[in-house]
Amino acid sequence: MSVLRTYARLWVDDLDQALPVLRELVGEEPDLYFAFDNVKAAAVGHFLVIDVPAEERAKYPASATVVVSDLDEISRLVVARGGRITVPATAAETGRFLYARHADGAEIEYVEWTPDLVRRIAGHRHLPPAV
């Protein structure tokens, strides 16, 4: 298992208003855009920009989003080290995700991307060997 990417979460009131300054700051276009429920999000550089009504932000308590190569392995690791899974592995447009609370209290969203996203964003070196 390896960490492919980490994202700092930025909570915003308007995704479209937030993106221009981040595009300029990072010097890149967003890698990802996605939406679900009342959430709109985009990944720009190592920022995950999340547009969700303020009263609903408590539903998403993670302080960071960490993309890993093996979600099942991270789940076992967190539990073996005294943490717990607070939202079990769930399918999403980008792959699968779960929320975990580490033994020290840190709350992290872990994501396992689809192979297409790994290729496009993280690069070929992170793909398992072809069989």
Protein backbone atom coordinates (compact mmCIF):
# COMPACT_ATOMS: atom_id res chain seq x y z
CA MET A 1 0.00 0.00 0.00
CA SER A 2 1.23 3.48 -0.78
CA VAL A 3 0.01 7.05 -0.54
CA LEU A 4 -0.49 8.41 -4.04
CA ARG A 5 -1.52 11.95 -3.16
CA THR A 6 -2.67 14.08 -0.24
CA TYR A 7 -5.07 16.99 -0.39
CA ALA A 8 -5.58 19.92 1.92
CA ARG A 9 -9.32 20.51 2.20
CA LEU A 10 -10.60 24.00 1.46
CA TRP A 11 -14.23 24.62 2.40
CA VAL A 12 -15.77 27.32 0.23
CA ASP A 13 -19.16 28.92 -0.26
CA ASP A 14 -18.81 29.14 -4.05
CA LEU A 15 -16.61 26.74 -6.03
CA ASP A 16 -16.68 28.82 -9.20
CA GLN A 17 -15.51 31.90 -7.31
CA ALA A 18 -12.73 29.97 -5.52
CA LEU A 19 -11.16 28.29 -8.55
CA PRO A 20 -9.63 31.25 -10.46
CA VAL A 21 -7.25 32.26 -7.66
CA LEU A 22 -6.27 28.64 -7.04
CA ARG A 23 -5.61 28.05 -10.75
CA GLU A 24 -3.27 31.03 -10.70
CA LEU A 25 -1.65 30.07 -7.39
CA VAL A 26 -1.01 26.46 -8.42
CA GLY A 27 -0.43 27.16 -12.11
CA GLU A 28 -2.67 24.27 -13.14
CA GLU A 29 -6.20 23.50 -14.18
CA PRO A 30 -8.26 21.27 -11.85
CA ASP A 31 -7.55 17.53 -12.17
CA LEU A 32 -11.01 16.56 -10.99
CA TYR A 33 -14.52 17.96 -10.80
CA PHE A 34 -17.28 15.97 -9.18
CA ALA A 35 -20.60 16.43 -7.44
CA PHE A 36 -22.89 14.40 -5.20
CA ASP A 37 -25.79 15.31 -2.95
CA ASN A 38 -25.32 19.04 -2.15
CA VAL A 39 -21.55 18.85 -2.65
CA LYS A 40 -19.48 20.19 -5.55
CA ALA A 41 -15.73 19.65 -5.47
CA ALA A 42 -12.61 20.15 -7.54
CA ALA A 43 -8.99 19.11 -7.06
CA VAL A 44 -6.42 21.74 -8.01
CA GLY A 45 -2.81 20.85 -7.28
CA HIS A 46 -2.89 19.50 -3.74
CA PHE A 47 -6.06 21.35 -2.74
CA LEU A 48 -9.46 19.66 -2.61
CA VAL A 49 -11.91 22.56 -2.88
CA ILE A 50 -15.29 21.62 -1.43
CA ASP A 51 -18.46 23.66 -1.93
CA VAL A 52 -21.15 22.49 0.47
CA PRO A 53 -23.65 24.48 2.53
CA ALA A 54 -22.05 25.44 5.86
CA GLU A 55 -24.77 23.67 7.85
CA GLU A 56 -23.89 20.37 6.12
CA ARG A 57 -20.10 20.48 6.55
CA ALA A 58 -20.23 18.48 9.78
CA LYS A 59 -21.24 15.44 7.68
CA TYR A 60 -17.68 15.43 6.29
CA PRO A 61 -15.43 15.64 9.39
CA ALA A 62 -12.09 14.66 7.82
CA SER A 63 -9.23 17.13 8.10
CA ALA A 64 -7.51 15.75 4.98
CA THR A 65 -8.11 13.54 1.97
CA VAL A 66 -5.45 10.91 1.30
CA VAL A 67 -5.43 8.90 -1.93
CA VAL A 68 -4.02 5.40 -1.37
CA SER A 69 -3.29 2.45 -3.61
CA ASP A 70 -5.20 -0.08 -1.44
CA LEU A 71 -8.22 1.00 0.59
CA ASP A 72 -8.68 -2.42 2.21
CA GLU A 73 -5.10 -2.39 3.46
CA ILE A 74 -5.43 1.10 4.96
CA SER A 75 -8.62 -0.02 6.70
CA ARG A 76 -6.79 -2.96 8.28
CA LEU A 77 -3.87 -0.73 9.28
CA VAL A 78 -6.05 1.91 10.96
CA VAL A 79 -7.97 -0.71 12.96
CA ALA A 80 -4.80 -2.64 13.89
CA ARG A 81 -3.35 0.61 15.31
CA GLY A 82 -6.40 1.27 17.52
CA GLY A 83 -8.44 3.46 15.16
CA ARG A 84 -11.87 2.81 13.73
CA ILE A 85 -13.65 3.13 10.43
CA THR A 86 -16.43 5.70 10.82
CA VAL A 87 -17.81 5.43 7.26
CA PRO A 88 -17.18 2.06 5.60
CA ALA A 89 -15.77 1.70 2.10
CA THR A 90 -18.27 3.17 -0.33
CA ALA A 91 -18.28 3.30 -4.13
CA ALA A 92 -17.98 6.75 -5.70
CA GLU A 93 -17.50 8.30 -9.11
CA THR A 94 -13.74 8.52 -8.47
CA GLY A 95 -13.35 4.97 -7.07
CA ARG A 96 -13.95 4.06 -3.41
CA PHE A 97 -13.58 5.98 -0.16
CA LEU A 98 -13.89 5.54 3.58
CA TYR A 99 -13.62 7.76 6.64
CA ALA A 100 -11.39 6.72 9.53
CA ARG A 101 -10.76 8.06 12.99
CA HIS A 102 -7.20 7.27 14.07
CA ALA A 103 -6.45 6.33 17.67
CA ASP A 104 -5.01 9.83 18.20
CA GLY A 105 -8.31 11.44 17.10
CA ALA A 106 -7.30 12.48 13.56
CA GLU A 107 -10.14 12.01 11.08
CA ILE A 108 -9.07 11.25 7.52
CA GLU A 109 -10.91 10.48 4.31
CA TYR A 110 -9.06 7.74 2.42
CA VAL A 111 -9.72 7.30 -1.29
CA GLU A 112 -8.76 4.56 -3.73
CA TRP A 113 -9.00 6.02 -7.22
CA THR A 114 -10.09 4.20 -10.34
CA PRO A 115 -7.14 2.97 -12.47
CA ASP A 116 -7.92 5.70 -15.03
CA LEU A 117 -7.50 8.43 -12.40
CA VAL A 118 -4.30 6.86 -11.09
CA ARG A 119 -2.88 6.89 -14.63
CA ARG A 120 -4.02 10.43 -15.36
CA ILE A 121 -3.14 12.11 -12.07
CA ALA A 122 -0.65 9.99 -10.13
CA GLY A 123 1.20 8.46 -13.07
CA HIS A 124 1.99 4.94 -14.23
CA ARG A 125 4.52 4.20 -11.47
CA HIS A 126 1.64 3.75 -9.03
CA LEU A 127 -0.24 1.12 -11.04
CA PRO A 128 0.06 -2.55 -10.11
CA PRO A 129 1.86 -4.74 -12.67
CA ALA A 130 -0.31 -6.05 -15.49
CA VAL A 131 -1.26 -9.71 -15.27
